[in-house]
Protein backbone atom coordinates (compact mmCIF):
# COMPACT_ATOMS: atom_id res chain seq x y z
CA UNK A 1 14.77 -93.62 64.42
CA UNK A 2 14.03 -91.68 68.22
CA UNK A 3 15.00 -93.79 70.87
CA UNK A 4 15.27 -92.74 74.02
CA UNK A 5 18.87 -94.15 75.20
CA UNK A 6 19.86 -95.53 78.96
CA UNK A 7 22.46 -95.27 81.36
CA UNK A 8 22.31 -98.76 81.66
CA UNK A 9 20.68 -101.64 79.80
CA UNK A 10 20.71 -105.46 79.12
CA UNK A 11 22.70 -106.89 76.20
CA UNK A 12 19.33 -107.97 74.54
CA UNK A 13 18.20 -104.44 74.64
CA UNK A 14 21.45 -103.34 72.93
CA UNK A 15 21.14 -105.96 70.36
CA UNK A 16 17.51 -105.10 69.34
CA UNK A 17 18.53 -101.41 69.46
CA UNK A 18 21.43 -102.07 67.04
CA UNK A 19 19.52 -104.53 64.64
CA UNK A 20 16.83 -102.29 64.24
CA UNK A 21 19.29 -99.71 62.88
CA UNK A 22 20.55 -102.50 60.34
CA UNK A 23 18.37 -103.64 56.68
CA UNK A 24 17.39 -106.55 58.79
CA UNK A 25 14.09 -107.52 59.16
CA UNK A 26 13.86 -111.45 60.14
CA UNK A 27 15.81 -113.19 61.98
CA UNK A 28 16.15 -117.19 62.09
CA UNK A 29 16.47 -119.72 65.00
CA UNK A 30 15.75 -121.29 67.64
CA UNK A 31 15.25 -120.46 71.02
CA UNK A 32 16.83 -121.76 73.84
CA UNK A 33 18.98 -121.71 77.45
CA UNK A 34 21.52 -118.89 75.94
CA UNK A 35 19.45 -116.71 74.29
CA UNK A 36 15.56 -116.41 75.33
CA UNK A 37 15.96 -112.95 75.96
CA UNK A 38 16.77 -111.95 73.29
CA UNK A 39 13.72 -113.52 71.54
CA UNK A 40 12.05 -111.78 74.31
CA UNK A 41 13.32 -108.35 73.13
CA UNK A 42 12.89 -109.29 69.55
CA UNK A 43 9.38 -109.85 70.36
CA UNK A 44 8.74 -106.51 71.15
CA UNK A 45 10.02 -104.65 68.45
CA UNK A 46 8.29 -103.47 65.61
CA UNK A 47 10.62 -103.78 62.72
CA UNK A 48 12.33 -107.49 63.40
CA UNK A 49 10.05 -110.48 63.12
CA UNK A 50 11.90 -113.83 64.97
CA UNK A 51 10.78 -116.84 62.97
CA UNK A 52 11.11 -119.92 64.37
CA UNK A 53 12.50 -122.83 61.93
CA UNK A 54 12.84 -126.53 62.84
CA UNK A 55 16.04 -126.92 62.10
CA UNK A 56 18.96 -124.29 62.22
CA UNK A 57 20.37 -125.72 58.95
CA UNK A 58 17.50 -124.45 57.62
CA UNK A 59 17.55 -121.21 59.47
CA UNK A 60 20.79 -120.08 57.59
CA UNK A 61 19.32 -121.10 54.24
CA UNK A 62 16.15 -118.81 54.82
CA UNK A 63 18.72 -116.25 55.82
CA UNK A 64 20.89 -116.97 52.88
CA UNK A 65 17.50 -116.71 50.53
CA UNK A 66 16.78 -113.17 52.22
CA UNK A 67 20.42 -112.00 51.36
CA UNK A 68 20.49 -112.98 48.18
CA UNK A 69 17.55 -111.45 46.60
CA UNK A 70 16.66 -108.11 48.56
CA UNK A 71 18.52 -105.20 50.14
CA UNK A 72 18.04 -106.83 53.71
CA UNK A 73 20.46 -108.85 54.95
CA UNK A 74 19.58 -112.68 56.26
CA UNK A 75 20.60 -113.20 60.30
CA UNK A 76 20.67 -115.72 62.18
CA UNK A 77 19.89 -116.08 66.41
CA UNK A 78 20.83 -119.77 67.42
CA UNK A 79 21.74 -121.31 70.81
CA UNK A 80 25.71 -121.90 70.53
CA UNK A 81 27.41 -125.15 70.38
CA UNK A 82 24.33 -127.43 68.46
CA UNK A 83 23.07 -124.66 67.20
CA UNK A 84 25.92 -123.40 65.00
CA UNK A 85 27.21 -126.61 63.97
CA UNK A 86 23.69 -127.28 62.72
CA UNK A 87 23.64 -124.00 60.77
CA UNK A 88 26.99 -124.60 59.30
CA UNK A 89 25.71 -125.72 56.17
CA UNK A 90 24.37 -123.19 55.35
CA UNK A 91 27.06 -120.46 56.84
CA UNK A 92 29.69 -122.04 54.82
CA UNK A 93 27.27 -121.76 51.47
CA UNK A 94 27.34 -118.33 52.37
CA UNK A 95 31.02 -118.18 52.56
CA UNK A 96 31.76 -119.89 49.82
CA UNK A 97 29.26 -118.38 47.37
CA UNK A 98 29.98 -114.84 48.50
CA UNK A 99 26.88 -114.03 50.27
CA UNK A 100 26.22 -111.57 53.54
CA UNK A 101 25.05 -112.55 56.83
CA UNK A 102 24.71 -112.39 60.54
CA UNK A 103 25.10 -114.94 62.55
CA UNK A 104 24.12 -114.42 66.33
CA UNK A 105 24.18 -116.76 69.57
CA UNK A 106 23.85 -116.91 72.90
CA UNK A 107 26.89 -117.84 75.08
CA UNK A 108 27.78 -119.71 78.43
CA UNK A 109 28.14 -116.98 80.92
CA UNK A 110 31.70 -115.70 81.69
CA UNK A 111 30.91 -114.30 85.34
CA UNK A 112 30.30 -117.25 86.95
CA UNK A 113 34.11 -118.83 87.08
CA UNK A 114 32.13 -122.50 86.13
CA UNK A 115 33.75 -124.91 83.57
CA UNK A 116 31.99 -127.26 81.97
CA UNK A 117 28.90 -125.94 81.14
CA UNK A 118 26.28 -126.42 79.03
CA UNK A 119 27.24 -125.79 75.29
CA UNK A 120 30.60 -124.73 76.64
CA UNK A 121 32.57 -124.92 72.98
CA UNK A 122 34.76 -123.07 71.36
CA UNK A 123 32.82 -121.91 68.43
CA UNK A 124 34.96 -119.08 66.82
CA UNK A 125 37.97 -121.46 66.59
CA UNK A 126 35.19 -123.48 64.42
CA UNK A 127 33.81 -120.65 62.46
CA UNK A 128 37.03 -119.10 62.26
CA UNK A 129 37.42 -120.68 58.21
CA UNK A 130 34.19 -120.05 57.39
CA UNK A 131 33.00 -116.67 58.71
CA UNK A 132 34.59 -113.38 57.48
CA UNK A 133 35.07 -112.21 61.48
CA UNK A 134 34.19 -113.28 64.35
CA UNK A 135 33.55 -111.27 67.66
CA UNK A 136 32.83 -112.34 71.21
CA UNK A 137 30.97 -109.84 73.73
CA UNK A 138 32.82 -109.10 75.99
CA UNK A 139 31.18 -106.07 77.65
CA UNK A 140 27.62 -103.89 77.12
CA UNK A 141 28.99 -101.05 75.87
CA UNK A 142 30.56 -103.46 72.85
CA UNK A 143 27.13 -104.50 71.43
CA UNK A 144 26.36 -101.98 69.11
CA UNK A 145 29.40 -100.44 67.72
CA UNK A 146 30.38 -104.47 67.44
CA UNK A 147 27.20 -105.04 65.64
CA UNK A 148 27.72 -102.05 63.20
CA UNK A 149 31.45 -103.24 62.37
CA UNK A 150 30.04 -106.76 61.88
CA UNK A 151 27.42 -105.80 59.58
CA UNK A 152 29.87 -103.52 57.69
CA UNK A 153 32.57 -106.74 57.07
CA UNK A 154 29.69 -108.95 56.28
CA UNK A 155 28.73 -106.37 52.92
CA UNK A 156 31.90 -104.65 52.19
CA UNK A 157 34.17 -106.29 49.47
CA UNK A 158 33.29 -109.92 48.91
CA UNK A 159 30.38 -110.31 50.97
CA UNK A 160 30.18 -113.06 53.23
CA UNK A 161 28.96 -114.12 57.21
CA UNK A 162 29.95 -112.70 60.23
CA UNK A 163 29.46 -114.02 63.71
CA UNK A 164 28.99 -112.75 67.56
CA UNK A 165 28.35 -114.90 70.67
CA UNK A 166 26.73 -112.54 73.09
CA UNK A 167 27.14 -114.17 76.50
CA UNK A 168 24.03 -114.74 78.71
CA UNK A 169 24.68 -112.82 81.39
CA UNK A 170 25.49 -109.65 79.01
CA UNK A 171 22.28 -110.60 77.91
CA UNK A 172 19.96 -110.73 80.80
CA UNK A 173 21.50 -108.07 83.23
CA UNK A 174 21.99 -104.15 82.62
CA UNK A 175 25.33 -102.49 81.99
CA UNK A 176 26.79 -99.41 81.00
CA UNK A 177 25.77 -98.54 77.73
CA UNK A 178 28.21 -95.39 76.93
CA UNK A 179 27.84 -93.43 74.22
CA UNK A 180 26.24 -95.51 71.34
CA UNK A 181 27.82 -94.89 67.62
CA UNK A 182 25.34 -93.90 64.69
CA UNK A 183 25.29 -96.61 62.11
CA UNK A 184 27.20 -94.71 58.47
CA UNK A 185 26.47 -97.10 55.69
CA UNK A 186 28.89 -99.49 53.90
CA UNK A 187 31.20 -97.20 51.21
CA UNK A 188 31.97 -98.65 47.51
CA UNK A 189 35.17 -100.19 45.98
CA UNK A 190 37.56 -97.49 44.49
CA UNK A 191 38.33 -97.26 40.69
CA UNK A 192 41.05 -98.96 39.87
CA UNK A 193 43.99 -97.11 37.86
CA UNK A 194 42.53 -95.20 34.77
CA UNK A 195 45.32 -96.54 33.04
CA UNK A 196 44.35 -100.67 33.31
CA UNK A 197 40.75 -99.99 32.31
CA UNK A 198 41.94 -98.29 29.20
CA UNK A 199 44.42 -100.78 28.47
CA UNK A 200 41.32 -103.11 29.14
CA UNK A 201 38.96 -101.50 26.66
CA UNK A 202 42.14 -101.22 23.63
CA UNK A 203 42.62 -105.19 24.15
CA UNK A 204 38.69 -105.91 24.04
CA UNK A 205 39.00 -103.95 20.37
CA UNK A 206 41.57 -105.52 19.23
CA UNK A 207 40.25 -108.74 19.15
CA UNK A 208 37.79 -110.48 16.42
CA UNK A 209 35.50 -112.36 18.95
CA UNK A 210 35.68 -111.03 22.05
CA UNK A 211 32.98 -112.92 25.21
CA UNK A 212 31.64 -112.14 28.27
CA UNK A 213 31.51 -114.52 31.12
CA UNK A 214 29.85 -113.09 33.65
CA UNK A 215 28.73 -114.21 37.56
CA UNK A 216 26.91 -113.42 40.87
CA UNK A 217 29.35 -110.32 41.16
CA UNK A 218 27.37 -108.43 38.52
CA UNK A 219 23.75 -108.96 40.27
CA UNK A 220 23.60 -105.33 40.34
CA UNK A 221 24.89 -103.99 37.10
CA UNK A 222 22.90 -105.72 34.44
CA UNK A 223 22.53 -102.36 32.55
CA UNK A 224 26.17 -102.35 32.03
CA UNK A 225 26.58 -105.76 30.87
CA UNK A 226 23.87 -104.88 28.16
CA UNK A 227 25.34 -102.02 26.97
CA UNK A 228 28.81 -103.63 26.77
CA UNK A 229 27.90 -107.00 25.13
CA UNK A 230 25.66 -104.90 22.48
CA UNK A 231 28.73 -102.55 21.65
CA UNK A 232 30.99 -105.31 21.05
CA UNK A 233 28.37 -107.57 19.93
CA UNK A 234 29.95 -110.08 22.24
CA UNK A 235 27.95 -113.29 23.24
CA UNK A 236 27.60 -113.87 27.22
CA UNK A 237 27.60 -116.92 29.31
CA UNK A 238 27.03 -117.15 32.77
CA UNK A 239 28.03 -118.68 36.01
CA UNK A 240 25.42 -121.40 37.58
CA UNK A 241 25.05 -118.63 40.42
CA UNK A 242 25.24 -115.84 38.15
CA UNK A 243 22.54 -117.39 35.64
CA UNK A 244 20.47 -114.84 36.06
CA UNK A 245 22.87 -111.64 36.09
CA UNK A 246 22.05 -111.05 31.88
CA UNK A 247 18.39 -111.53 30.56
CA UNK A 248 18.03 -115.44 28.65
CA UNK A 249 15.47 -113.66 26.40
CA UNK A 250 18.32 -111.13 25.00
CA UNK A 251 19.27 -112.25 21.47
CA UNK A 252 23.38 -112.42 22.87
CA UNK A 253 22.46 -114.38 26.01
CA UNK A 254 24.33 -118.40 25.42
CA UNK A 255 23.44 -120.12 28.40
CA UNK A 256 25.75 -121.23 31.66
CA UNK A 257 29.33 -121.81 31.16
CA UNK A 258 30.90 -121.70 27.37
CA UNK A 259 33.01 -124.88 27.42
CA UNK A 260 32.25 -128.89 26.19
CA UNK A 261 29.81 -128.77 29.17
CA UNK A 262 27.89 -126.00 27.66
CA UNK A 263 24.78 -125.76 25.85
CA UNK A 264 25.25 -125.82 22.21
CA UNK A 265 24.64 -121.79 21.39
CA UNK A 266 27.50 -121.17 24.50
CA UNK A 267 30.17 -123.62 23.17
CA UNK A 268 29.37 -122.90 19.91
CA UNK A 269 29.73 -118.76 20.18
CA UNK A 270 32.77 -118.87 22.25
CA UNK A 271 34.38 -121.50 20.24
CA UNK A 272 36.72 -119.01 18.48
CA UNK A 273 36.73 -116.41 21.41
CA UNK A 274 40.44 -114.43 21.05
CA UNK A 275 39.52 -112.51 24.28
CA UNK A 276 37.81 -113.12 26.97
CA UNK A 277 35.86 -110.55 29.50
CA UNK A 278 35.31 -112.27 32.67
CA UNK A 279 33.40 -110.45 35.38
CA UNK A 280 32.47 -111.09 39.23
CA UNK A 281 33.28 -114.91 38.26
CA UNK A 282 36.05 -117.26 39.91
CA UNK A 283 36.18 -119.94 36.92
CA UNK A 284 35.43 -122.06 39.81
CA UNK A 285 34.26 -126.10 39.05
CA UNK A 286 30.83 -125.67 37.91
CA UNK A 287 30.76 -123.19 35.86
CA UNK A 288 33.99 -124.45 33.91
CA UNK A 289 32.43 -127.87 33.37
CA UNK A 290 35.32 -129.70 36.04
CA UNK A 291 37.78 -126.62 34.46
CA UNK A 292 37.06 -127.90 30.66
CA UNK A 293 36.81 -124.40 29.40
CA UNK A 294 39.58 -123.10 26.80
CA UNK A 295 40.30 -119.39 27.79
CA UNK A 296 42.06 -117.48 25.55
CA UNK A 297 45.74 -115.46 26.71
CA UNK A 298 43.66 -112.21 26.33
CA UNK A 299 42.04 -113.10 29.61
CA UNK A 300 40.34 -109.45 31.57
CA UNK A 301 39.57 -110.50 34.76
CA UNK A 302 37.24 -108.05 36.76
CA UNK A 303 36.73 -108.70 40.78
CA UNK A 304 35.87 -106.96 43.88
CA UNK A 305 38.23 -109.50 45.44
CA UNK A 306 41.94 -109.70 44.21
CA UNK A 307 42.49 -112.89 45.34
CA UNK A 308 40.71 -114.44 43.09
CA UNK A 309 43.07 -113.43 39.89
CA UNK A 310 45.14 -116.41 38.07
CA UNK A 311 44.14 -119.17 40.95
CA UNK A 312 43.05 -121.02 37.56
CA UNK A 313 43.65 -119.06 34.55
CA UNK A 314 46.04 -115.91 34.52
CA UNK A 315 44.92 -112.55 33.53
CA UNK A 316 46.50 -110.74 31.07
CA UNK A 317 44.78 -107.44 32.58
CA UNK A 318 43.36 -107.34 36.13
CA UNK A 319 40.94 -104.54 37.64
CA UNK A 320 39.91 -105.21 41.18
CA UNK A 321 36.77 -103.22 41.95
CA UNK A 322 33.18 -103.01 41.92
CA UNK A 323 32.30 -104.49 38.33
CA UNK A 324 29.48 -101.35 37.92
CA UNK A 325 31.87 -98.75 38.50
CA UNK A 326 34.29 -100.60 36.05
CA UNK A 327 31.88 -101.47 33.18
CA UNK A 328 30.59 -98.16 33.30
CA UNK A 329 33.94 -96.24 32.47
CA UNK A 330 34.75 -99.15 30.31
CA UNK A 331 31.41 -98.35 28.52
CA UNK A 332 31.57 -94.70 28.48
CA UNK A 333 35.29 -95.09 26.94
CA UNK A 334 33.87 -97.52 24.04
CA UNK A 335 31.45 -94.47 23.30
CA UNK A 336 34.29 -92.51 22.25
CA UNK A 337 35.81 -94.99 19.56
CA UNK A 338 34.57 -96.36 16.06
CA UNK A 339 35.35 -99.67 15.08
CA UNK A 340 34.76 -102.03 12.47
CA UNK A 341 31.93 -104.62 13.55
CA UNK A 342 32.64 -107.88 15.20
CA UNK A 343 31.21 -111.77 15.31
CA UNK A 344 29.01 -111.03 11.91
CA UNK A 345 25.73 -113.03 12.37
CA UNK A 346 26.56 -114.09 15.86
CA UNK A 347 22.53 -113.30 17.09
CA UNK A 348 21.52 -115.46 14.71
CA UNK A 349 23.64 -118.39 14.94
CA UNK A 350 22.45 -117.92 18.97
CA UNK A 351 19.12 -118.15 18.31
CA UNK A 352 19.45 -121.21 15.75
CA UNK A 353 21.94 -123.45 18.26
CA UNK A 354 19.13 -122.63 21.15
CA UNK A 355 15.99 -123.79 18.86
CA UNK A 356 17.97 -126.46 18.02
CA UNK A 357 18.45 -127.87 21.38
CA UNK A 358 15.20 -127.25 22.76
CA UNK A 359 13.79 -129.30 19.42
CA UNK A 360 16.02 -132.01 21.13
CA UNK A 361 15.02 -132.23 24.18
CA UNK A 362 10.87 -131.65 22.48
CA UNK A 363 11.60 -135.02 21.01
CA UNK A 364 11.92 -136.58 23.82
CA UNK A 365 8.87 -139.82 23.91
CA UNK A 366 8.34 -140.56 27.73
CA UNK A 367 5.64 -141.83 29.94
CA UNK A 368 6.34 -139.46 32.51
CA UNK A 369 7.02 -135.59 32.65
CA UNK A 370 9.52 -134.29 30.01
CA UNK A 371 11.70 -131.85 31.83
CA UNK A 372 11.85 -129.37 28.76
CA UNK A 373 7.78 -129.21 28.59
CA UNK A 374 7.75 -128.69 32.16
CA UNK A 375 10.11 -125.89 32.17
CA UNK A 376 8.48 -124.11 29.08
CA UNK A 377 5.41 -124.29 30.53
CA UNK A 378 6.47 -123.20 33.88
CA UNK A 379 8.32 -120.08 32.21
CA UNK A 380 4.97 -119.24 30.11
CA UNK A 381 2.80 -119.44 33.38
CA UNK A 382 5.27 -117.42 35.94
CA UNK A 383 5.53 -113.77 35.80
CA UNK A 384 8.97 -112.36 34.60
CA UNK A 385 9.57 -111.28 38.03
CA UNK A 386 9.39 -114.83 39.61
CA UNK A 387 11.61 -116.29 41.91
CA UNK A 388 12.86 -119.47 40.95
CA UNK A 389 14.99 -121.27 43.83
CA UNK A 390 16.57 -124.73 42.90
CA UNK A 391 18.97 -127.06 45.39
CA UNK A 392 22.13 -129.34 44.13
CA UNK A 393 21.27 -132.27 41.85
CA UNK A 394 20.41 -133.45 38.12
CA UNK A 395 17.39 -130.69 38.17
CA UNK A 396 19.90 -127.89 38.78
CA UNK A 397 21.21 -128.31 35.58
CA UNK A 398 17.99 -129.22 33.87
CA UNK A 399 16.96 -125.89 35.07
CA UNK A 400 19.99 -123.84 33.94
CA UNK A 401 19.75 -125.36 30.88
CA UNK A 402 15.87 -124.80 29.90
CA UNK A 403 14.66 -122.59 32.09
CA UNK A 404 15.01 -118.62 30.83
CA UNK A 405 15.51 -116.64 33.48
CA UNK A 406 14.90 -112.90 32.77
CA UNK A 407 15.96 -110.91 36.07
CA UNK A 408 18.83 -110.32 38.14
CA UNK A 409 18.60 -111.75 40.99
CA UNK A 410 15.64 -113.73 40.28
CA UNK A 411 17.22 -117.32 40.40
CA UNK A 412 19.46 -119.19 43.14
CA UNK A 413 21.12 -122.18 44.00
CA UNK A 414 23.98 -123.53 45.96
CA UNK A 415 27.07 -123.36 43.81
CA UNK A 416 30.38 -123.45 45.55
CA UNK A 417 29.60 -124.90 48.71
CA UNK A 418 27.14 -127.45 46.01
CA UNK A 419 25.02 -128.20 49.75
CA UNK A 420 22.06 -130.57 49.30
CA UNK A 421 18.64 -129.74 51.31
CA UNK A 422 19.51 -126.11 50.15
CA UNK A 423 15.81 -124.76 48.32
CA UNK A 424 13.15 -125.86 50.74
CA UNK A 425 14.27 -123.49 53.28
CA UNK A 426 16.07 -120.88 50.87
CA UNK A 427 12.46 -120.58 48.95
CA UNK A 428 11.08 -119.60 52.40
CA UNK A 429 13.60 -116.60 52.56
CA UNK A 430 12.85 -115.32 49.27
CA UNK A 431 9.39 -115.63 50.08
CA UNK A 432 9.27 -113.57 53.53
CA UNK A 433 11.96 -111.29 51.89
CA UNK A 434 9.62 -110.83 48.62
CA UNK A 435 6.01 -111.57 49.54
CA UNK A 436 4.18 -110.10 46.48
CA UNK A 437 6.24 -111.93 44.87
CA UNK A 438 5.63 -115.98 43.13
CA UNK A 439 8.47 -118.26 44.66
CA UNK A 440 8.73 -121.38 43.35
CA UNK A 441 11.07 -124.22 44.13
CA UNK A 442 13.06 -126.87 42.15
CA UNK A 443 14.07 -129.80 44.46
CA UNK A 444 15.53 -133.90 43.40
CA UNK A 445 13.52 -135.78 46.20
CA UNK A 446 16.80 -136.70 47.63
CA UNK A 447 17.53 -132.82 48.79
CA UNK A 448 13.79 -132.46 49.29
CA UNK A 449 14.68 -135.44 52.05
CA UNK A 450 16.98 -133.19 53.41
CA UNK A 451 15.04 -130.35 54.68
CA UNK A 452 11.47 -131.06 53.82
CA UNK A 453 9.78 -130.08 57.14
CA UNK A 454 11.05 -126.53 57.30
CA UNK A 455 8.03 -126.74 54.53
CA UNK A 456 5.73 -126.42 58.29
CA UNK A 457 7.89 -123.27 58.70
CA UNK A 458 6.24 -121.61 55.18
CA UNK A 459 2.86 -122.94 56.19
CA UNK A 460 2.82 -121.01 59.71
CA UNK A 461 4.21 -118.17 58.20
CA UNK A 462 1.25 -118.37 55.26
CA UNK A 463 3.80 -118.53 52.81
CA UNK A 464 2.52 -119.65 49.50
CA UNK A 465 5.43 -121.29 48.08
CA UNK A 466 5.21 -123.90 45.49
CA UNK A 467 7.71 -127.16 45.28
CA UNK A 468 8.18 -128.82 42.44
CA UNK A 469 9.82 -132.45 43.79
CA UNK A 470 11.51 -133.89 40.87
CA UNK A 471 11.02 -137.42 41.86
CA UNK A 472 12.62 -140.46 40.16
CA UNK A 473 13.69 -142.49 43.08
CA UNK A 474 17.68 -141.92 42.53
CA UNK A 475 20.62 -139.69 43.40
CA UNK A 476 20.18 -138.59 40.33
CA UNK A 477 23.07 -136.51 39.59
CA UNK A 478 25.56 -139.18 41.30
CA UNK A 479 23.80 -142.24 39.70
CA UNK A 480 23.94 -141.03 36.15
CA UNK A 481 28.09 -140.05 37.25
CA UNK A 482 28.39 -143.44 38.35
CA UNK A 483 26.50 -145.40 35.34
CA UNK A 484 29.38 -144.51 33.10
CA UNK A 485 32.85 -145.45 34.60
CA UNK A 486 30.91 -148.15 37.07
CA UNK A 487 27.49 -149.50 35.42
CA UNK A 488 26.55 -149.92 38.70
CA UNK A 489 24.59 -147.25 40.66
CA UNK A 490 25.99 -147.80 44.93
CA UNK A 491 24.08 -145.75 47.41
CA UNK A 492 22.45 -143.70 44.79
CA UNK A 493 18.76 -145.26 44.98
CA UNK A 494 16.64 -144.09 47.26
CA UNK A 495 13.63 -145.85 49.69
CA UNK A 496 10.14 -145.56 48.12
CA UNK A 497 9.00 -141.81 49.64
CA UNK A 498 5.43 -140.99 50.31
CA UNK A 499 5.61 -137.31 49.32
CA UNK A 500 2.26 -136.70 49.88
CA UNK A 501 2.24 -138.10 53.67
CA UNK A 502 5.30 -134.79 53.71
CA UNK A 503 2.36 -132.39 52.38
CA UNK A 504 0.20 -133.69 55.30
CA UNK A 505 2.14 -133.48 57.97
CA UNK A 506 3.49 -129.73 57.58
CA UNK A 507 0.41 -128.43 56.40
CA UNK A 508 1.15 -128.03 52.58
CA UNK A 509 -1.41 -128.27 49.68
CA UNK A 510 -0.19 -131.43 47.57
CA UNK A 511 -0.60 -132.60 43.74
CA UNK A 512 0.95 -135.12 41.40
CA UNK A 513 2.10 -134.67 37.82
CA UNK A 514 2.32 -137.17 36.22
CA UNK A 515 1.91 -137.12 32.38
CA UNK A 516 2.48 -134.74 29.59
CA UNK A 517 -0.86 -133.44 29.46
CA UNK A 518 -1.09 -132.67 33.41
CA UNK A 519 2.30 -130.13 32.99
CA UNK A 520 0.10 -127.19 32.38
CA UNK A 521 -3.26 -128.02 34.44
CA UNK A 522 -1.35 -128.98 38.00
CA UNK A 523 1.22 -125.90 37.16
CA UNK A 524 -1.80 -123.50 37.25
CA UNK A 525 -3.59 -125.23 39.86
CA UNK A 526 -0.61 -124.83 42.18
CA UNK A 527 0.05 -120.75 41.74
CA UNK A 528 -3.77 -120.85 42.39
CA UNK A 529 -3.29 -122.18 45.43
CA UNK A 530 -0.39 -120.45 46.09
CA UNK A 531 -1.87 -117.29 46.12
CA UNK A 532 -3.94 -117.79 49.32
CA UNK A 533 -0.82 -118.03 51.37
CA UNK A 534 -0.41 -122.26 51.73
CA UNK A 535 2.42 -123.82 50.52
CA UNK A 536 1.96 -126.77 47.88
CA UNK A 537 4.13 -129.45 47.18
CA UNK A 538 3.81 -130.85 43.46
CA UNK A 539 5.30 -134.52 43.49
CA UNK A 540 6.82 -134.32 39.61
CA UNK A 541 7.52 -138.08 38.23
CA UNK A 542 10.20 -136.66 35.83
CA UNK A 543 11.96 -138.16 32.97
CA UNK A 544 15.52 -138.22 33.91
CA UNK A 545 16.84 -140.65 30.76
CA UNK A 546 18.02 -137.90 28.82
CA UNK A 547 21.26 -136.54 29.88
CA UNK A 548 22.24 -132.72 30.47
CA UNK A 549 25.01 -131.23 28.28
CA UNK A 550 26.50 -130.25 31.82
CA UNK A 551 26.50 -133.88 33.12
CA UNK A 552 27.97 -135.64 30.08
CA UNK A 553 30.26 -132.64 29.56
CA UNK A 554 31.92 -132.99 32.82
CA UNK A 555 32.22 -137.26 32.76
CA UNK A 556 34.07 -136.84 30.01
CA UNK A 557 36.18 -134.02 30.53
CA UNK A 558 37.14 -135.42 33.67
CA UNK A 559 37.32 -138.81 32.42
CA UNK A 560 39.91 -137.51 29.76
CA UNK A 561 42.55 -136.25 32.85
CA UNK A 562 42.77 -139.56 34.12
CA UNK A 563 46.30 -141.11 33.83
CA UNK A 564 46.58 -144.10 30.36
CA UNK A 565 46.57 -146.47 32.37
CA UNK A 566 43.28 -145.76 34.82
CA UNK A 567 41.16 -144.60 32.16
CA UNK A 568 41.55 -147.93 30.54
CA UNK A 569 41.07 -149.55 33.78
CA UNK A 570 38.13 -147.59 34.34
CA UNK A 571 36.36 -147.91 30.62
CA UNK A 572 37.51 -151.77 30.35
CA UNK A 573 36.08 -152.43 33.70
CA UNK A 574 32.39 -150.33 32.69
CA UNK A 575 32.55 -152.58 29.32
CA UNK A 576 33.37 -155.70 31.01
CA UNK A 577 29.94 -155.39 33.72
CA UNK A 578 27.84 -154.32 30.72
CA UNK A 579 28.46 -157.66 29.41
CA UNK A 580 28.48 -159.44 32.72
CA UNK A 581 25.90 -157.64 34.33
């Protein structure tokens, strides 16, 4: 990029200069008193498009969607104070899920000596626990090197959000530029000592029934995972966030998790696992079914962040580094070895278990929409490289269990922060970053209510995202969890919602899907409408009566861990309420 460097420049110009050297195509936010100069400057950019949102919370989820599904990094451009607090949910989601993000806010004047300015507040203290680093710009010459350093921190190691505050006086007025550094792409992590990798391979070869548990940290090494799984003939289970990293149509794919909260194919394939290779995972609460999995003593744990080792399950061998490089080395070592076949008949068992579970769902008798029929038809009509974005709720685990994902990074969801309201805006970010791909959102009615007005952003930008709203009038994941121990549904019943009214207000097309025979034609019609750049909302009368394996497994696992007296108290109260009403 050839740019004439002035001796003096405004902070807004310097920020634009820095961002144009990075893989940043969009910024998300709302202009205000202390960042309008930056917006005016970015309006001149041929590389970066500022996107207006309806709420900064939506902005942070859009940025998250960009980062998860492209080579770019999602970037916020927000006002200080309220803009930061509004965006905090998406920032924290990115922090806990390991998603890179740049957060740029304006700031109060630092040259006036005046106190109690509008938005005067210590943003850095609040953001310290939800970012990898924060920076306060004090001089013009700091802007470019700080932006480059912030980007490096955001993408290196375990990725995450980084915050930069640029005071409004530095944005507005010119200052000395100095010598501007060149942007240097981030490096890659080093390999662990070869001796450790050799020991891990030996441990895998000693096992009779090895298994692989893989997560988001493997999103760029699917090829290496497939080779390793096929060499060992090992079943592969994923985390929720890493659901897409191993193709669901591979015969060794089992599903999300591998314990009592997993689908039968996964639970059965891992029942006698004697050595587990866990790659790019943290053994967090969701994929372990509330820590209800049995992890063998022979655990090999690979992760770029050494802080995750031994947190919940002790590792026999811990390998800190880039998953792709380590797996590639393990594959090369395995190619030099000969060993008897492992897990005989495994692929057939997995296929039979998957078919039986699918048939179990197909047998659900209902006058509403059977989730299995819906997801089966959706998979048939979508391209293999379509993106699916889900929210937090019962629909999340229905999708995880019933919708096969074929491409890495093409299924995204809020995970460790587990924030409702994610799907609507995140899908907008995905569509902006992948304009030629189909983008579908699956969202529960409760989560839909949180951010549904952000569909206006999709309409304004001609983004043909399709939102299937699973509508049953309840916060279903919670209400189902309440039913068993309480036999009550407290504050989990929603009011009457006119979802079509939201479509009218935001400029989206609106369709309804009430019965089984409407599934195929409504999906087809929604795809056709979306091709013209109009967002589509489909009100789906979903049948939630059959619980997912995840929901049933988690409730049972948690209840089992209760002290005996409290367990009887909860069970007894539920039984009494069933009798008395």
